[in-house]
PDB file of N, CA and C in Angstrom:
ATOM      1  N   MET A   1      -1.888   0.578  -4.549  1.00  0.00           N
ATOM      2  CA  MET A   1      -2.340   1.362  -3.422  1.00  0.00           C
ATOM      3  C   MET A   1      -1.247   1.341  -2.363  1.00  0.00           C
ATOM      4  N   GLY A   2      -0.898   2.481  -1.858  1.00  0.00           N
ATOM      5  CA  GLY A   2       0.187   2.600  -0.890  1.00  0.00           C
ATOM      6  C   GLY A   2      -0.269   2.294   0.522  1.00  0.00           C
ATOM      7  N   PRO A   3       0.645   2.404   1.470  1.00  0.00           N
ATOM      8  CA  PRO A   3       0.317   2.127   2.869  1.00  0.00           C
ATOM      9  C   PRO A   3      -0.787   3.044   3.377  1.00  0.00           C
ATOM     10  N   LYS A   4      -1.563   2.532   4.276  1.00  0.00           N
ATOM     11  CA  LYS A   4      -2.611   3.312   4.936  1.00  0.00           C
ATOM     12  C   LYS A   4      -2.079   3.777   6.282  1.00  0.00           C
ATOM     13  N   HIS A   5      -2.863   4.577   6.948  1.00  0.00           N
ATOM     14  CA  HIS A   5      -2.473   5.063   8.270  1.00  0.00           C
ATOM     15  C   HIS A   5      -3.340   4.402   9.325  1.00  0.00           C
ATOM     16  N   LEU A   6      -2.758   4.184  10.461  1.00  0.00           N
ATOM     17  CA  LEU A   6      -3.425   3.533  11.570  1.00  0.00           C
ATOM     18  C   LEU A   6      -4.057   4.550  12.505  1.00  0.00           C
ATOM     19  N   SER A   7      -5.165   4.165  13.137  1.00  0.00           N
ATOM     20  CA  SER A   7      -5.755   5.060  14.128  1.00  0.00           C
ATOM     21  C   SER A   7      -4.965   4.993  15.435  1.00  0.00           C
ATOM     22  N   THR A   8      -4.282   3.899  15.676  1.00  0.00           N
ATOM     23  CA  THR A   8      -3.381   3.764  16.812  1.00  0.00           C
ATOM     24  C   THR A   8      -1.988   3.559  16.239  1.00  0.00           C
ATOM     25  N   ALA A   9      -1.145   4.548  16.415  1.00  0.00           N
ATOM     26  CA  ALA A   9       0.178   4.521  15.792  1.00  0.00           C
ATOM     27  C   ALA A   9       1.077   3.451  16.412  1.00  0.00           C
ATOM     28  N   ILE A  10       1.925   2.866  15.573  1.00  0.00           N
ATOM     29  CA  ILE A  10       2.928   1.901  16.012  1.00  0.00           C
ATOM     30  C   ILE A  10       4.096   2.648  16.652  1.00  0.00           C
ATOM     31  N   ASP A  11       4.398   3.799  16.096  1.00  0.00           N
ATOM     32  CA  ASP A  11       5.529   4.618  16.522  1.00  0.00           C
ATOM     33  C   ASP A  11       4.980   6.003  16.837  1.00  0.00           C
ATOM     34  N   THR A  12       5.535   6.676  17.822  1.00  0.00           N
ATOM     35  CA  THR A  12       5.002   7.981  18.217  1.00  0.00           C
ATOM     36  C   THR A  12       5.103   9.029  17.118  1.00  0.00           C
ATOM     37  N   GLY A  13       6.007   8.840  16.163  1.00  0.00           N
ATOM     38  CA  GLY A  13       6.175   9.835  15.120  1.00  0.00           C
ATOM     39  C   GLY A  13       5.651   9.428  13.753  1.00  0.00           C
ATOM     40  N   ASP A  14       5.103   8.204  13.633  1.00  0.00           N
ATOM     41  CA  ASP A  14       4.691   7.722  12.315  1.00  0.00           C
ATOM     42  C   ASP A  14       3.486   6.804  12.462  1.00  0.00           C
ATOM     43  N   GLY A  15       2.405   7.136  11.817  1.00  0.00           N
ATOM     44  CA  GLY A  15       1.188   6.322  11.880  1.00  0.00           C
ATOM     45  C   GLY A  15       1.001   5.440  10.668  1.00  0.00           C
ATOM     46  N   THR A  16       2.041   5.260   9.871  1.00  0.00           N
ATOM     47  CA  THR A  16       1.939   4.445   8.668  1.00  0.00           C
ATOM     48  C   THR A  16       1.733   2.976   9.026  1.00  0.00           C
ATOM     49  N   ALA A  17       0.833   2.323   8.310  1.00  0.00           N
ATOM     50  CA  ALA A  17       0.613   0.883   8.474  1.00  0.00           C
ATOM     51  C   ALA A  17       1.669   0.178   7.647  1.00  0.00           C
ATOM     52  N   SER A  18       2.729  -0.260   8.298  1.00  0.00           N
ATOM     53  CA  SER A  18       3.872  -0.803   7.580  1.00  0.00           C
ATOM     54  C   SER A  18       4.541  -1.912   8.374  1.00  0.00           C
ATOM     55  N   VAL A  19       4.829  -3.028   7.692  1.00  0.00           N
ATOM     56  CA  VAL A  19       5.561  -4.109   8.335  1.00  0.00           C
ATOM     57  C   VAL A  19       6.953  -3.618   8.726  1.00  0.00           C
ATOM     58  N   ALA A  20       7.587  -2.860   7.852  1.00  0.00           N
ATOM     59  CA  ALA A  20       8.930  -2.347   8.150  1.00  0.00           C
ATOM     60  C   ALA A  20       8.918  -1.494   9.416  1.00  0.00           C
ATOM     61  N   LEU A  21       7.916  -0.649   9.575  1.00  0.00           N
ATOM     62  CA  LEU A  21       7.820   0.183  10.780  1.00  0.00           C
ATOM     63  C   LEU A  21       7.590  -0.693  12.008  1.00  0.00           C
ATOM     64  N   ALA A  22       6.713  -1.669  11.903  1.00  0.00           N
ATOM     65  CA  ALA A  22       6.471  -2.562  13.037  1.00  0.00           C
ATOM     66  C   ALA A  22       7.750  -3.285  13.435  1.00  0.00           C
ATOM     67  N   MET A  23       8.504  -3.749  12.464  1.00  0.00           N
ATOM     68  CA  MET A  23       9.758  -4.442  12.763  1.00  0.00           C
ATOM     69  C   MET A  23      10.778  -3.485  13.389  1.00  0.00           C
ATOM     70  N   SER A  24      10.761  -2.220  12.963  1.00  0.00           N
ATOM     71  CA  SER A  24      11.742  -1.264  13.482  1.00  0.00           C
ATOM     72  C   SER A  24      11.512  -0.919  14.947  1.00  0.00           C
ATOM     73  N   VAL A  25      10.287  -1.061  15.423  1.00  0.00           N
ATOM     74  CA  VAL A  25      10.011  -0.746  16.828  1.00  0.00           C
ATOM     75  C   VAL A  25      10.041  -1.986  17.717  1.00  0.00           C
ATOM     76  N   ALA A  26      10.364  -3.141  17.159  1.00  0.00           N
ATOM     77  CA  ALA A  26      10.417  -4.385  17.936  1.00  0.00           C
ATOM     78  C   ALA A  26      11.292  -4.251  19.188  1.00  0.00           C
ATOM     79  N   PRO A  27      12.473  -3.615  19.102  1.00  0.00           N
ATOM     80  CA  PRO A  27      13.290  -3.480  20.319  1.00  0.00           C
ATOM     81  C   PRO A  27      12.582  -2.710  21.439  1.00  0.00           C
ATOM     82  N   MET A  28      11.736  -1.751  21.078  1.00  0.00           N
ATOM     83  CA  MET A  28      10.989  -1.008  22.098  1.00  0.00           C
ATOM     84  C   MET A  28       9.990  -1.919  22.815  1.00  0.00           C
ATOM     85  N   LEU A  29       9.615  -3.009  22.157  1.00  0.00           N
ATOM     86  CA  LEU A  29       8.692  -3.981  22.736  1.00  0.00           C
ATOM     87  C   LEU A  29       9.427  -5.164  23.353  1.00  0.00           C
ATOM     88  N   ARG A  30      10.749  -4.983  23.464  1.00  0.00           N
ATOM     89  CA  ARG A  30      11.644  -6.006  24.026  1.00  0.00           C
ATOM     90  C   ARG A  30      11.619  -7.298  23.212  1.00  0.00           C
ATOM     91  N   LEU A  31      11.515  -7.137  21.897  1.00  0.00           N
ATOM     92  CA  LEU A  31      11.577  -8.282  20.984  1.00  0.00           C
ATOM     93  C   LEU A  31      12.892  -8.229  20.226  1.00  0.00           C
ATOM     94  N   SER A  32      13.584  -9.334  20.188  1.00  0.00           N
ATOM     95  CA  SER A  32      14.785  -9.411  19.351  1.00  0.00           C
ATOM     96  C   SER A  32      14.337  -9.468  17.892  1.00  0.00           C
ATOM     97  N   ALA A  33      15.264  -9.265  16.985  1.00  0.00           N
ATOM     98  CA  ALA A  33      14.945  -9.361  15.558  1.00  0.00           C
ATOM     99  C   ALA A  33      14.409 -10.752  15.239  1.00  0.00           C
ATOM    100  N   ALA A  34      14.998 -11.780  15.843  1.00  0.00           N
ATOM    101  CA  ALA A  34      14.541 -13.154  15.596  1.00  0.00           C
ATOM    102  C   ALA A  34      13.116 -13.362  16.110  1.00  0.00           C
ATOM    103  N   ASP A  35      12.825 -12.849  17.305  1.00  0.00           N
ATOM    104  CA  ASP A  35      11.477 -12.988  17.861  1.00  0.00           C
ATOM    105  C   ASP A  35      10.458 -12.196  17.044  1.00  0.00           C
ATOM    106  N   ALA A  36      10.826 -11.005  16.633  1.00  0.00           N
ATOM    107  CA  ALA A  36       9.924 -10.196  15.809  1.00  0.00           C
ATOM    108  C   ALA A  36       9.638 -10.904  14.485  1.00  0.00           C
ATOM    109  N   GLY A  37      10.656 -11.500  13.899  1.00  0.00           N
ATOM    110  CA  GLY A  37      10.458 -12.255  12.663  1.00  0.00           C
ATOM    111  C   GLY A  37       9.543 -13.442  12.864  1.00  0.00           C
ATOM    112  N   ARG A  38       9.687 -14.108  14.009  1.00  0.00           N
ATOM    113  CA  ARG A  38       8.815 -15.248  14.325  1.00  0.00           C
ATOM    114  C   ARG A  38       7.367 -14.796  14.451  1.00  0.00           C
ATOM    115  N   VAL A  39       7.140 -13.685  15.147  1.00  0.00           N
ATOM    116  CA  VAL A  39       5.784 -13.151  15.298  1.00  0.00           C
ATOM    117  C   VAL A  39       5.213 -12.775  13.926  1.00  0.00           C
ATOM    118  N   LEU A  40       6.029 -12.146  13.096  1.00  0.00           N
ATOM    119  CA  LEU A  40       5.581 -11.768  11.763  1.00  0.00           C
ATOM    120  C   LEU A  40       5.176 -13.006  10.964  1.00  0.00           C
ATOM    121  N   ARG A  41       5.965 -14.068  11.044  1.00  0.00           N
ATOM    122  CA  ARG A  41       5.623 -15.309  10.328  1.00  0.00           C
ATOM    123  C   ARG A  41       4.344 -15.930  10.879  1.00  0.00           C
ATOM    124  N   GLU A  42       4.164 -15.875  12.207  1.00  0.00           N
ATOM    125  CA  GLU A  42       2.943 -16.413  12.810  1.00  0.00           C
ATOM    126  C   GLU A  42       1.712 -15.639  12.353  1.00  0.00           C
ATOM    127  N   VAL A  43       1.829 -14.316  12.340  1.00  0.00           N
ATOM    128  CA  VAL A  43       0.706 -13.487  11.878  1.00  0.00           C
ATOM    129  C   VAL A  43       0.437 -13.772  10.401  1.00  0.00           C
ATOM    130  N   GLY A  44       1.497 -13.852   9.617  1.00  0.00           N
ATOM    131  CA  GLY A  44       1.337 -14.154   8.193  1.00  0.00           C
ATOM    132  C   GLY A  44       0.621 -15.470   7.978  1.00  0.00           C
ATOM    133  N   ALA A  45       0.993 -16.491   8.732  1.00  0.00           N
ATOM    134  CA  ALA A  45       0.349 -17.796   8.601  1.00  0.00           C
ATOM    135  C   ALA A  45      -1.115 -17.734   9.032  1.00  0.00           C
ATOM    136  N   ALA A  46      -1.404 -16.955  10.077  1.00  0.00           N
ATOM    137  CA  ALA A  46      -2.776 -16.854  10.572  1.00  0.00           C
ATOM    138  C   ALA A  46      -3.692 -16.146   9.585  1.00  0.00           C
ATOM    139  N   VAL A  47      -3.176 -15.154   8.877  1.00  0.00           N
ATOM    140  CA  VAL A  47      -4.041 -14.389   7.963  1.00  0.00           C
ATOM    141  C   VAL A  47      -3.941 -14.856   6.513  1.00  0.00           C
ATOM    142  N   ARG A  48      -3.074 -15.816   6.243  1.00  0.00           N
ATOM    143  CA  ARG A  48      -2.892 -16.303   4.869  1.00  0.00           C
ATOM    144  C   ARG A  48      -4.227 -16.604   4.179  1.00  0.00           C
ATOM    145  N   PRO A  49      -5.167 -17.301   4.816  1.00  0.00           N
ATOM    146  CA  PRO A  49      -6.419 -17.638   4.120  1.00  0.00           C
ATOM    147  C   PRO A  49      -7.513 -16.568   4.203  1.00  0.00           C
ATOM    148  N   TRP A  50      -7.129 -15.326   4.412  1.00  0.00           N
ATOM    149  CA  TRP A  50      -8.135 -14.296   4.640  1.00  0.00           C
ATOM    150  C   TRP A  50      -9.150 -14.198   3.506  1.00  0.00           C
ATOM    151  N   ARG A  51      -8.694 -14.321   2.258  1.00  0.00           N
ATOM    152  CA  ARG A  51      -9.630 -14.203   1.124  1.00  0.00           C
ATOM    153  C   ARG A  51     -10.687 -15.309   1.158  1.00  0.00           C
ATOM    154  N   GLU A  52     -10.258 -16.523   1.412  1.00  0.00           N
ATOM    155  CA  GLU A  52     -11.196 -17.645   1.444  1.00  0.00           C
ATOM    156  C   GLU A  52     -12.197 -17.492   2.587  1.00  0.00           C
ATOM    157  N   VAL A  53     -11.708 -17.062   3.739  1.00  0.00           N
ATOM    158  CA  VAL A  53     -12.588 -16.867   4.889  1.00  0.00           C
ATOM    159  C   VAL A  53     -13.572 -15.731   4.605  1.00  0.00           C
ATOM    160  N   ALA A  54     -13.070 -14.626   4.109  1.00  0.00           N
ATOM    161  CA  ALA A  54     -13.939 -13.478   3.817  1.00  0.00           C
ATOM    162  C   ALA A  54     -14.984 -13.829   2.767  1.00  0.00           C
ATOM    163  N   ALA A  55     -14.598 -14.629   1.778  1.00  0.00           N
ATOM    164  CA  ALA A  55     -15.510 -14.976   0.685  1.00  0.00           C
ATOM    165  C   ALA A  55     -16.698 -15.810   1.161  1.00  0.00           C
ATOM    166  N   ARG A  56     -16.591 -16.399   2.341  1.00  0.00           N
ATOM    167  CA  ARG A  56     -17.722 -17.172   2.877  1.00  0.00           C
ATOM    168  C   ARG A  56     -18.920 -16.285   3.202  1.00  0.00           C
ATOM    169  N   TRP A  57     -18.642 -15.020   3.559  1.00  0.00           N
ATOM    170  CA  TRP A  57     -19.710 -14.127   4.015  1.00  0.00           C
ATOM    171  C   TRP A  57     -19.856 -12.851   3.196  1.00  0.00           C
ATOM    172  N   LEU A  58     -18.869 -12.526   2.392  1.00  0.00           N
ATOM    173  CA  LEU A  58     -18.881 -11.249   1.689  1.00  0.00           C
ATOM    174  C   LEU A  58     -18.946 -11.436   0.182  1.00  0.00           C
ATOM    175  N   THR A  59     -19.382 -10.400  -0.492  1.00  0.00           N
ATOM    176  CA  THR A  59     -19.386 -10.412  -1.956  1.00  0.00           C
ATOM    177  C   THR A  59     -17.954 -10.224  -2.450  1.00  0.00           C
ATOM    178  N   PRO A  60     -17.689 -10.596  -3.702  1.00  0.00           N
ATOM    179  CA  PRO A  60     -16.344 -10.360  -4.245  1.00  0.00           C
ATOM    180  C   PRO A  60     -15.909  -8.901  -4.144  1.00  0.00           C
ATOM    181  N   THR A  61     -16.818  -7.976  -4.334  1.00  0.00           N
ATOM    182  CA  THR A  61     -16.480  -6.553  -4.229  1.00  0.00           C
ATOM    183  C   THR A  61     -16.060  -6.201  -2.805  1.00  0.00           C
ATOM    184  N   GLU A  62     -16.768  -6.728  -1.827  1.00  0.00           N
ATOM    185  CA  GLU A  62     -16.419  -6.454  -0.432  1.00  0.00           C
ATOM    186  C   GLU A  62     -15.070  -7.076  -0.073  1.00  0.00           C
ATOM    187  N   VAL A  63     -14.806  -8.255  -0.588  1.00  0.00           N
ATOM    188  CA  VAL A  63     -13.510  -8.899  -0.341  1.00  0.00           C
ATOM    189  C   VAL A  63     -12.393  -8.033  -0.910  1.00  0.00           C
ATOM    190  N   GLU A  64     -12.576  -7.520  -2.115  1.00  0.00           N
ATOM    191  CA  GLU A  64     -11.546  -6.677  -2.734  1.00  0.00           C
ATOM    192  C   GLU A  64     -11.339  -5.384  -1.970  1.00  0.00           C
ATOM    193  N   ARG A  65     -12.381  -4.874  -1.349  1.00  0.00           N
ATOM    194  CA  ARG A  65     -12.232  -3.662  -0.532  1.00  0.00           C
ATOM    195  C   ARG A  65     -11.347  -3.925   0.688  1.00  0.00           C
ATOM    196  N   MET A  66     -11.311  -5.166   1.143  1.00  0.00           N
ATOM    197  CA  MET A  66     -10.481  -5.531   2.294  1.00  0.00           C
ATOM    198  C   MET A  66      -9.017  -5.736   1.912  1.00  0.00           C
ATOM    199  N   ALA A  67      -8.744  -5.990   0.659  1.00  0.00           N
ATOM    200  CA  ALA A  67      -7.399  -6.364   0.211  1.00  0.00           C
ATOM    201  C   ALA A  67      -6.299  -5.407   0.672  1.00  0.00           C
ATOM    202  N   PRO A  68      -6.501  -4.089   0.652  1.00  0.00           N
ATOM    203  CA  PRO A  68      -5.418  -3.201   1.100  1.00  0.00           C
ATOM    204  C   PRO A  68      -4.968  -3.458   2.538  1.00  0.00           C
ATOM    205  N   ALA A  69      -5.855  -3.974   3.373  1.00  0.00           N
ATOM    206  CA  ALA A  69      -5.476  -4.252   4.765  1.00  0.00           C
ATOM    207  C   ALA A  69      -4.449  -5.379   4.859  1.00  0.00           C
ATOM    208  N   PHE A  70      -4.393  -6.218   3.827  1.00  0.00           N
ATOM    209  CA  PHE A  70      -3.478  -7.359   3.829  1.00  0.00           C
ATOM    210  C   PHE A  70      -2.325  -7.187   2.852  1.00  0.00           C
ATOM    211  N   ALA A  71      -2.338  -6.128   2.076  1.00  0.00           N
ATOM    212  CA  ALA A  71      -1.326  -5.923   1.034  1.00  0.00           C
ATOM    213  C   ALA A  71       0.075  -5.859   1.606  1.00  0.00           C
ATOM    214  N   GLU A  72       0.232  -5.263   2.742  1.00  0.00           N
ATOM    215  CA  GLU A  72       1.575  -5.123   3.342  1.00  0.00           C
ATOM    216  C   GLU A  72       2.154  -6.505   3.660  1.00  0.00           C
ATOM    217  N   LEU A  73       1.364  -7.415   4.185  1.00  0.00           N
ATOM    218  CA  LEU A  73       1.846  -8.768   4.461  1.00  0.00           C
ATOM    219  C   LEU A  73       2.115  -9.518   3.159  1.00  0.00           C
ATOM    220  N   ASP A  74       1.266  -9.303   2.160  1.00  0.00           N
ATOM    221  CA  ASP A  74       1.463  -9.966   0.869  1.00  0.00           C
ATOM    222  C   ASP A  74       2.802  -9.584   0.238  1.00  0.00           C
ATOM    223  N   ALA A  75       3.303  -8.410   0.577  1.00  0.00           N
ATOM    224  CA  ALA A  75       4.525  -7.902  -0.027  1.00  0.00           C
ATOM    225  C   ALA A  75       5.802  -8.391   0.658  1.00  0.00           C
ATOM    226  N   VAL A  76       5.677  -9.072   1.793  1.00  0.00           N
ATOM    227  CA  VAL A  76       6.855  -9.552   2.501  1.00  0.00           C
ATOM    228  C   VAL A  76       7.343 -10.828   1.822  1.00  0.00           C
ATOM    229  N   PRO A  77       8.559 -10.813   1.262  1.00  0.00           N
ATOM    230  CA  PRO A  77       9.069 -11.996   0.558  1.00  0.00           C
ATOM    231  C   PRO A  77       9.130 -13.224   1.461  1.00  0.00           C
ATOM    232  N   GLY A  78       8.633 -14.323   0.955  1.00  0.00           N
ATOM    233  CA  GLY A  78       8.685 -15.583   1.668  1.00  0.00           C
ATOM    234  C   GLY A  78       7.714 -15.714   2.809  1.00  0.00           C
ATOM    235  N   LEU A  79       6.896 -14.707   3.058  1.00  0.00           N
ATOM    236  CA  LEU A  79       5.974 -14.765   4.202  1.00  0.00           C
ATOM    237  C   LEU A  79       4.711 -15.532   3.847  1.00  0.00           C
ATOM    238  N   LEU A  80       4.106 -15.157   2.763  1.00  0.00           N
ATOM    239  CA  LEU A  80       2.862 -15.812   2.377  1.00  0.00           C
ATOM    240  C   LEU A  80       3.176 -16.630   1.195  1.00  0.00           C
TER     241      LEU A  80
END
C-alpha cells in the first residue's frame, strides 16, 4: 500500500503522508537536518509499540486497518 494523503498538508504543494516530505520541509520549520533526524527518531521510538498498544483494545482486523498509518515509519532504515 502506497503513501496516503493528509487532510493537513505538510507542504503547500504536496499532501502526501511521507517521512521524506516531512524531512524536506524541516528547514521551513527552522530545524537543522540533525534536529529533524532527532525528532524523527523520537517519534519512531514513541510509536514503536503501536501494535501492542492497539491490540489491547482492538481486534486483529482493526489493528491491521491501522497499519498503513505506521508503514512510512516502518520503512525508515534503522528507525524501528
